Amino acid sequence: MSVQDDLAAVKSCLEELVRTVGQLERSVTAERGAAPAPAAGRAESLVTIPDAPYDSGLWTDTDDEGLGARDRHAP
């Protein structure tokens, strides 16, 4: 069996898995009596992080992870 054959078999199995999980999700949703969630419904849980720099005041009195406090030295 060649690498291409192996990749085709894996792709086929993965597509079947995706179909089966979709059917399972629809089945569970139907049993619960709830409206099915949209396929791309995970987008509402995303949080947008702004590109603006953070306020440096947020980091006042913090330790540098793994380095200790800024005003102290290792013994």
PDB file of N, CA and C in Angstrom:
ATOM      1  N   MET A   1       0.849  -1.177   0.000  1.00  0.00           N
ATOM      2  CA  MET A   1       0.000   0.000   0.000  1.00  0.00           C
ATOM      3  C   MET A   1       0.895   1.241   0.000  1.00  0.00           C
ATOM      4  N   SER A   2       0.599   2.198  -0.880  1.00  0.00           N
ATOM      5  CA  SER A   2       1.425   3.401  -0.998  1.00  0.00           C
ATOM      6  C   SER A   2       0.969   4.467  -0.003  1.00  0.00           C
ATOM      7  N   VAL A   3       1.788   5.487   0.103  1.00  0.00           N
ATOM      8  CA  VAL A   3       1.465   6.604   0.997  1.00  0.00           C
ATOM      9  C   VAL A   3       0.180   7.284   0.538  1.00  0.00           C
ATOM     10  N   GLN A   4       0.005   7.413  -0.781  1.00  0.00           N
ATOM     11  CA  GLN A   4      -1.211   8.036  -1.306  1.00  0.00           C
ATOM     12  C   GLN A   4      -2.444   7.217  -0.933  1.00  0.00           C
ATOM     13  N   ASP A   5      -2.314   5.901  -0.988  1.00  0.00           N
ATOM     14  CA  ASP A   5      -3.439   5.040  -0.600  1.00  0.00           C
ATOM     15  C   ASP A   5      -3.752   5.200   0.883  1.00  0.00           C
ATOM     16  N   ASP A   6      -2.696   5.277   1.703  1.00  0.00           N
ATOM     17  CA  ASP A   6      -2.887   5.478   3.144  1.00  0.00           C
ATOM     18  C   ASP A   6      -3.574   6.804   3.419  1.00  0.00           C
ATOM     19  N   LEU A   7      -3.124   7.871   2.733  1.00  0.00           N
ATOM     20  CA  LEU A   7      -3.731   9.191   2.937  1.00  0.00           C
ATOM     21  C   LEU A   7      -5.192   9.206   2.491  1.00  0.00           C
ATOM     22  N   ALA A   8      -5.482   8.536   1.383  1.00  0.00           N
ATOM     23  CA  ALA A   8      -6.869   8.468   0.907  1.00  0.00           C
ATOM     24  C   ALA A   8      -7.743   7.725   1.913  1.00  0.00           C
ATOM     25  N   ALA A   9      -7.210   6.636   2.497  1.00  0.00           N
ATOM     26  CA  ALA A   9      -7.973   5.875   3.486  1.00  0.00           C
ATOM     27  C   ALA A   9      -8.211   6.707   4.748  1.00  0.00           C
ATOM     28  N   VAL A  10      -7.194   7.442   5.178  1.00  0.00           N
ATOM     29  CA  VAL A  10      -7.344   8.297   6.367  1.00  0.00           C
ATOM     30  C   VAL A  10      -8.364   9.394   6.093  1.00  0.00           C
ATOM     31  N   LYS A  11      -8.292  10.015   4.916  1.00  0.00           N
ATOM     32  CA  LYS A  11      -9.244  11.070   4.565  1.00  0.00           C
ATOM     33  C   LYS A  11     -10.674  10.536   4.553  1.00  0.00           C
ATOM     34  N   SER A  12     -10.844   9.350   4.002  1.00  0.00           N
ATOM     35  CA  SER A  12     -12.165   8.735   3.963  1.00  0.00           C
ATOM     36  C   SER A  12     -12.688   8.465   5.376  1.00  0.00           C
ATOM     37  N   CYS A  13     -11.823   7.933   6.226  1.00  0.00           N
ATOM     38  CA  CYS A  13     -12.227   7.662   7.619  1.00  0.00           C
ATOM     39  C   CYS A  13     -12.567   8.949   8.354  1.00  0.00           C
ATOM     40  N   LEU A  14     -11.794   9.997   8.113  1.00  0.00           N
ATOM     41  CA  LEU A  14     -12.050  11.274   8.774  1.00  0.00           C
ATOM     42  C   LEU A  14     -13.377  11.871   8.315  1.00  0.00           C
ATOM     43  N   GLU A  15     -13.652  11.802   7.017  1.00  0.00           N
ATOM     44  CA  GLU A  15     -14.928  12.304   6.515  1.00  0.00           C
ATOM     45  C   GLU A  15     -16.095  11.523   7.112  1.00  0.00           C
ATOM     46  N   GLU A  16     -15.950  10.216   7.235  1.00  0.00           N
ATOM     47  CA  GLU A  16     -16.996   9.394   7.848  1.00  0.00           C
ATOM     48  C   GLU A  16     -17.183   9.756   9.310  1.00  0.00           C
ATOM     49  N   LEU A  17     -16.085  10.019  10.007  1.00  0.00           N
ATOM     50  CA  LEU A  17     -16.162  10.429  11.408  1.00  0.00           C
ATOM     51  C   LEU A  17     -16.897  11.752  11.554  1.00  0.00           C
ATOM     52  N   VAL A  18     -16.594  12.717  10.681  1.00  0.00           N
ATOM     53  CA  VAL A  18     -17.270  14.015  10.724  1.00  0.00           C
ATOM     54  C   VAL A  18     -18.767  13.836  10.482  1.00  0.00           C
ATOM     55  N   ARG A  19     -19.130  13.005   9.505  1.00  0.00           N
ATOM     56  CA  ARG A  19     -20.558  12.748   9.241  1.00  0.00           C
ATOM     57  C   ARG A  19     -21.231  12.094  10.450  1.00  0.00           C
ATOM     58  N   THR A  20     -20.560  11.123  11.049  1.00  0.00           N
ATOM     59  CA  THR A  20     -21.140  10.407  12.190  1.00  0.00           C
ATOM     60  C   THR A  20     -21.316  11.322  13.393  1.00  0.00           C
ATOM     61  N   VAL A  21     -20.326  12.163  13.658  1.00  0.00           N
ATOM     62  CA  VAL A  21     -20.438  13.096  14.788  1.00  0.00           C
ATOM     63  C   VAL A  21     -21.571  14.090  14.532  1.00  0.00           C
ATOM     64  N   GLY A  22     -21.713  14.549  13.295  1.00  0.00           N
ATOM     65  CA  GLY A  22     -22.819  15.447  12.960  1.00  0.00           C
ATOM     66  C   GLY A  22     -24.167  14.792  13.203  1.00  0.00           C
ATOM     67  N   GLN A  23     -24.293  13.532  12.798  1.00  0.00           N
ATOM     68  CA  GLN A  23     -25.540  12.802  13.029  1.00  0.00           C
ATOM     69  C   GLN A  23     -25.795  12.624  14.521  1.00  0.00           C
ATOM     70  N   LEU A  24     -24.758  12.322  15.269  1.00  0.00           N
ATOM     71  CA  LEU A  24     -24.890  12.160  16.720  1.00  0.00           C
ATOM     72  C   LEU A  24     -25.327  13.463  17.375  1.00  0.00           C
ATOM     73  N   GLU A  25     -24.722  14.585  16.964  1.00  0.00           N
ATOM     74  CA  GLU A  25     -25.115  15.885  17.526  1.00  0.00           C
ATOM     75  C   GLU A  25     -26.582  16.181  17.235  1.00  0.00           C
ATOM     76  N   ARG A  26     -27.017  15.908  16.001  1.00  0.00           N
ATOM     77  CA  ARG A  26     -28.426  16.148  15.655  1.00  0.00           C
ATOM     78  C   ARG A  26     -29.348  15.240  16.451  1.00  0.00           C
ATOM     79  N   SER A  27     -28.930  14.012  16.657  1.00  0.00           N
ATOM     80  CA  SER A  27     -29.736  13.057  17.417  1.00  0.00           C
ATOM     81  C   SER A  27     -29.881  13.489  18.873  1.00  0.00           C
ATOM     82  N   VAL A  28     -28.779  13.881  19.488  1.00  0.00           N
ATOM     83  CA  VAL A  28     -28.823  14.320  20.885  1.00  0.00           C
ATOM     84  C   VAL A  28     -29.661  15.577  21.018  1.00  0.00           C
ATOM     85  N   THR A  29     -29.499  16.508  20.074  1.00  0.00           N
ATOM     86  CA  THR A  29     -30.279  17.748  20.108  1.00  0.00           C
ATOM     87  C   THR A  29     -31.767  17.445  19.980  1.00  0.00           C
ATOM     88  N   ALA A  30     -32.125  16.516  19.107  1.00  0.00           N
ATOM     89  CA  ALA A  30     -33.530  16.155  18.916  1.00  0.00           C
ATOM     90  C   ALA A  30     -34.104  15.509  20.172  1.00  0.00           C
ATOM     91  N   GLU A  31     -33.309  14.676  20.850  1.00  0.00           N
ATOM     92  CA  GLU A  31     -33.782  14.033  22.082  1.00  0.00           C
ATOM     93  C   GLU A  31     -34.016  15.043  23.186  1.00  0.00           C
ATOM     94  N   ARG A  32     -33.199  16.068  23.225  1.00  0.00           N
ATOM     95  CA  ARG A  32     -33.357  17.098  24.262  1.00  0.00           C
ATOM     96  C   ARG A  32     -34.461  18.082  23.923  1.00  0.00           C
ATOM     97  N   GLY A  33     -34.900  18.089  22.672  1.00  0.00           N
ATOM     98  CA  GLY A  33     -35.975  18.985  22.265  1.00  0.00           C
ATOM     99  C   GLY A  33     -35.516  20.404  22.030  1.00  0.00           C
ATOM    100  N   ALA A  34     -34.229  20.618  21.945  1.00  0.00           N
ATOM    101  CA  ALA A  34     -33.700  21.961  21.729  1.00  0.00           C
ATOM    102  C   ALA A  34     -33.477  22.187  20.244  1.00  0.00           C
ATOM    103  N   ALA A  35     -33.419  23.454  19.884  1.00  0.00           N
ATOM    104  CA  ALA A  35     -33.114  23.793  18.495  1.00  0.00           C
ATOM    105  C   ALA A  35     -31.644  23.482  18.236  1.00  0.00           C
ATOM    106  N   PRO A  36     -31.333  22.918  17.078  1.00  0.00           N
ATOM    107  CA  PRO A  36     -29.943  22.593  16.789  1.00  0.00           C
ATOM    108  C   PRO A  36     -29.087  23.843  16.654  1.00  0.00           C
ATOM    109  N   ALA A  37     -27.871  23.739  17.143  1.00  0.00           N
ATOM    110  CA  ALA A  37     -26.930  24.855  17.031  1.00  0.00           C
ATOM    111  C   ALA A  37     -26.423  24.922  15.597  1.00  0.00           C
ATOM    112  N   PRO A  38     -26.181  26.142  15.093  1.00  0.00           N
ATOM    113  CA  PRO A  38     -25.651  26.245  13.735  1.00  0.00           C
ATOM    114  C   PRO A  38     -24.258  25.620  13.657  1.00  0.00           C
ATOM    115  N   ALA A  39     -23.886  25.146  12.481  1.00  0.00           N
ATOM    116  CA  ALA A  39     -22.598  24.469  12.311  1.00  0.00           C
ATOM    117  C   ALA A  39     -21.443  25.379  12.683  1.00  0.00           C
ATOM    118  N   ALA A  40     -21.537  26.643  12.358  1.00  0.00           N
ATOM    119  CA  ALA A  40     -20.475  27.581  12.685  1.00  0.00           C
ATOM    120  C   ALA A  40     -20.834  28.348  13.951  1.00  0.00           C
ATOM    121  N   GLY A  41     -21.603  27.767  14.843  1.00  0.00           N
ATOM    122  CA  GLY A  41     -22.092  28.440  16.032  1.00  0.00           C
ATOM    123  C   GLY A  41     -21.049  28.672  17.102  1.00  0.00           C
ATOM    124  N   ARG A  42     -19.852  28.225  16.882  1.00  0.00           N
ATOM    125  CA  ARG A  42     -18.812  28.418  17.890  1.00  0.00           C
ATOM    126  C   ARG A  42     -18.210  29.819  17.820  1.00  0.00           C
ATOM    127  N   ALA A  43     -18.557  30.583  16.814  1.00  0.00           N
ATOM    128  CA  ALA A  43     -17.973  31.915  16.631  1.00  0.00           C
ATOM    129  C   ALA A  43     -18.378  32.872  17.749  1.00  0.00           C
ATOM    130  N   GLU A  44     -19.554  32.687  18.353  1.00  0.00           N
ATOM    131  CA  GLU A  44     -19.972  33.623  19.400  1.00  0.00           C
ATOM    132  C   GLU A  44     -19.121  33.506  20.654  1.00  0.00           C
ATOM    133  N   SER A  45     -18.368  32.443  20.798  1.00  0.00           N
ATOM    134  CA  SER A  45     -17.520  32.301  21.975  1.00  0.00           C
ATOM    135  C   SER A  45     -16.134  32.915  21.769  1.00  0.00           C
ATOM    136  N   LEU A  46     -15.875  33.448  20.573  1.00  0.00           N
ATOM    137  CA  LEU A  46     -14.584  34.068  20.301  1.00  0.00           C
ATOM    138  C   LEU A  46     -14.529  35.453  20.914  1.00  0.00           C
ATOM    139  N   VAL A  47     -13.358  35.824  21.392  1.00  0.00           N
ATOM    140  CA  VAL A  47     -13.145  37.144  21.975  1.00  0.00           C
ATOM    141  C   VAL A  47     -12.139  37.879  21.115  1.00  0.00           C
ATOM    142  N   THR A  48     -12.467  39.091  20.714  1.00  0.00           N
ATOM    143  CA  THR A  48     -11.550  39.896  19.915  1.00  0.00           C
ATOM    144  C   THR A  48     -10.565  40.594  20.838  1.00  0.00           C
ATOM    145  N   ILE A  49      -9.292  40.456  20.530  1.00  0.00           N
ATOM    146  CA  ILE A  49      -8.237  41.100  21.314  1.00  0.00           C
ATOM    147  C   ILE A  49      -7.760  42.307  20.529  1.00  0.00           C
ATOM    148  N   PRO A  50      -7.848  43.513  21.110  1.00  0.00           N
ATOM    149  CA  PRO A  50      -7.467  44.714  20.370  1.00  0.00           C
ATOM    150  C   PRO A  50      -5.961  44.766  20.114  1.00  0.00           C
ATOM    151  N   ASP A  51      -5.584  45.473  19.051  1.00  0.00           N
ATOM    152  CA  ASP A  51      -4.176  45.636  18.711  1.00  0.00           C
ATOM    153  C   ASP A  51      -3.513  46.755  19.515  1.00  0.00           C
ATOM    154  N   ALA A  52      -4.308  47.563  20.183  1.00  0.00           N
ATOM    155  CA  ALA A  52      -3.762  48.676  20.970  1.00  0.00           C
ATOM    156  C   ALA A  52      -2.916  48.137  22.119  1.00  0.00           C
ATOM    157  N   PRO A  53      -1.841  48.838  22.466  1.00  0.00           N
ATOM    158  CA  PRO A  53      -1.008  48.360  23.578  1.00  0.00           C
ATOM    159  C   PRO A  53      -1.773  48.418  24.907  1.00  0.00           C
ATOM    160  N   TYR A  54      -1.421  47.491  25.790  1.00  0.00           N
ATOM    161  CA  TYR A  54      -2.058  47.466  27.101  1.00  0.00           C
ATOM    162  C   TYR A  54      -1.571  48.624  27.965  1.00  0.00           C
ATOM    163  N   ASP A  55      -2.408  49.039  28.889  1.00  0.00           N
ATOM    164  CA  ASP A  55      -2.035  50.068  29.850  1.00  0.00           C
ATOM    165  C   ASP A  55      -0.936  49.500  30.747  1.00  0.00           C
ATOM    166  N   SER A  56       0.205  50.178  30.844  1.00  0.00           N
ATOM    167  CA  SER A  56       1.314  49.670  31.655  1.00  0.00           C
ATOM    168  C   SER A  56       0.954  49.622  33.132  1.00  0.00           C
ATOM    169  N   GLY A  57      -0.069  50.351  33.544  1.00  0.00           N
ATOM    170  CA  GLY A  57      -0.517  50.311  34.929  1.00  0.00           C
ATOM    171  C   GLY A  57      -1.064  48.951  35.330  1.00  0.00           C
ATOM    172  N   LEU A  58      -1.459  48.153  34.348  1.00  0.00           N
ATOM    173  CA  LEU A  58      -1.952  46.818  34.651  1.00  0.00           C
ATOM    174  C   LEU A  58      -0.860  45.938  35.240  1.00  0.00           C
ATOM    175  N   TRP A  59       0.380  46.254  34.948  1.00  0.00           N
ATOM    176  CA  TRP A  59       1.483  45.393  35.341  1.00  0.00           C
ATOM    177  C   TRP A  59       2.234  45.915  36.568  1.00  0.00           C
ATOM    178  N   THR A  60       1.717  46.939  37.208  1.00  0.00           N
ATOM    179  CA  THR A  60       2.349  47.472  38.414  1.00  0.00           C
ATOM    180  C   THR A  60       2.330  46.414  39.510  1.00  0.00           C
ATOM    181  N   ASP A  61       3.432  46.268  40.220  1.00  0.00           N
ATOM    182  CA  ASP A  61       3.576  45.323  41.337  1.00  0.00           C
ATOM    183  C   ASP A  61       3.393  43.867  40.908  1.00  0.00           C
ATOM    184  N   THR A  62       3.791  43.532  39.706  1.00  0.00           N
ATOM    185  CA  THR A  62       3.708  42.141  39.269  1.00  0.00           C
ATOM    186  C   THR A  62       5.107  41.541  39.215  1.00  0.00           C
ATOM    187  N   ASP A  63       5.162  40.237  39.314  1.00  0.00           N
ATOM    188  CA  ASP A  63       6.427  39.525  39.193  1.00  0.00           C
ATOM    189  C   ASP A  63       6.600  39.068  37.755  1.00  0.00           C
ATOM    190  N   ASP A  64       7.838  39.060  37.293  1.00  0.00           N
ATOM    191  CA  ASP A  64       8.115  38.487  35.978  1.00  0.00           C
ATOM    192  C   ASP A  64       8.134  36.986  36.162  1.00  0.00           C
ATOM    193  N   GLU A  65       7.328  36.319  35.389  1.00  0.00           N
ATOM    194  CA  GLU A  65       7.184  34.880  35.542  1.00  0.00           C
ATOM    195  C   GLU A  65       8.536  34.181  35.390  1.00  0.00           C
ATOM    196  N   GLY A  66       8.918  33.466  36.412  1.00  0.00           N
ATOM    197  CA  GLY A  66      10.177  32.738  36.381  1.00  0.00           C
ATOM    198  C   GLY A  66      11.384  33.569  36.762  1.00  0.00           C
ATOM    199  N   LEU A  67      11.225  34.886  36.859  1.00  0.00           N
ATOM    200  CA  LEU A  67      12.353  35.764  37.181  1.00  0.00           C
ATOM    201  C   LEU A  67      12.223  36.381  38.569  1.00  0.00           C
ATOM    202  N   GLY A  68      11.058  36.329  39.149  1.00  0.00           N
ATOM    203  CA  GLY A  68      10.846  36.926  40.461  1.00  0.00           C
ATOM    204  C   GLY A  68      10.473  38.392  40.350  1.00  0.00           C
ATOM    205  N   ALA A  69      10.434  39.051  41.483  1.00  0.00           N
ATOM    206  CA  ALA A  69      10.055  40.460  41.532  1.00  0.00           C
ATOM    207  C   ALA A  69      11.145  41.329  40.924  1.00  0.00           C
ATOM    208  N   ARG A  70      10.770  42.469  40.385  1.00  0.00           N
ATOM    209  CA  ARG A  70      11.719  43.353  39.700  1.00  0.00           C
ATOM    210  C   ARG A  70      12.707  44.005  40.641  1.00  0.00           C
ATOM    211  N   ASP A  71      12.279  44.296  41.878  1.00  0.00           N
ATOM    212  CA  ASP A  71      13.167  45.021  42.806  1.00  0.00           C
ATOM    213  C   ASP A  71      13.956  44.111  43.727  1.00  0.00           C
ATOM    214  N   ARG A  72      13.856  42.798  43.539  1.00  0.00           N
ATOM    215  CA  ARG A  72      14.598  41.864  44.377  1.00  0.00           C
ATOM    216  C   ARG A  72      15.548  41.044  43.536  1.00  0.00           C
ATOM    217  N   HIS A  73      16.589  40.504  44.186  1.00  0.00           N
ATOM    218  CA  HIS A  73      17.582  39.698  43.488  1.00  0.00           C
ATOM    219  C   HIS A  73      17.617  38.312  44.109  1.00  0.00           C
ATOM    220  N   ALA A  74      18.057  37.364  43.318  1.00  0.00           N
ATOM    221  CA  ALA A  74      18.175  35.993  43.821  1.00  0.00           C
ATOM    222  C   ALA A  74      19.266  35.944  44.901  1.00  0.00           C
ATOM    223  N   PRO A  75      19.103  35.092  45.897  1.00  0.00           N
ATOM    224  CA  PRO A  75      20.125  35.004  46.966  1.00  0.00           C
ATOM    225  C   PRO A  75      21.456  34.523  46.472  1.00  0.00           C
TER     226      PRO A  75
END
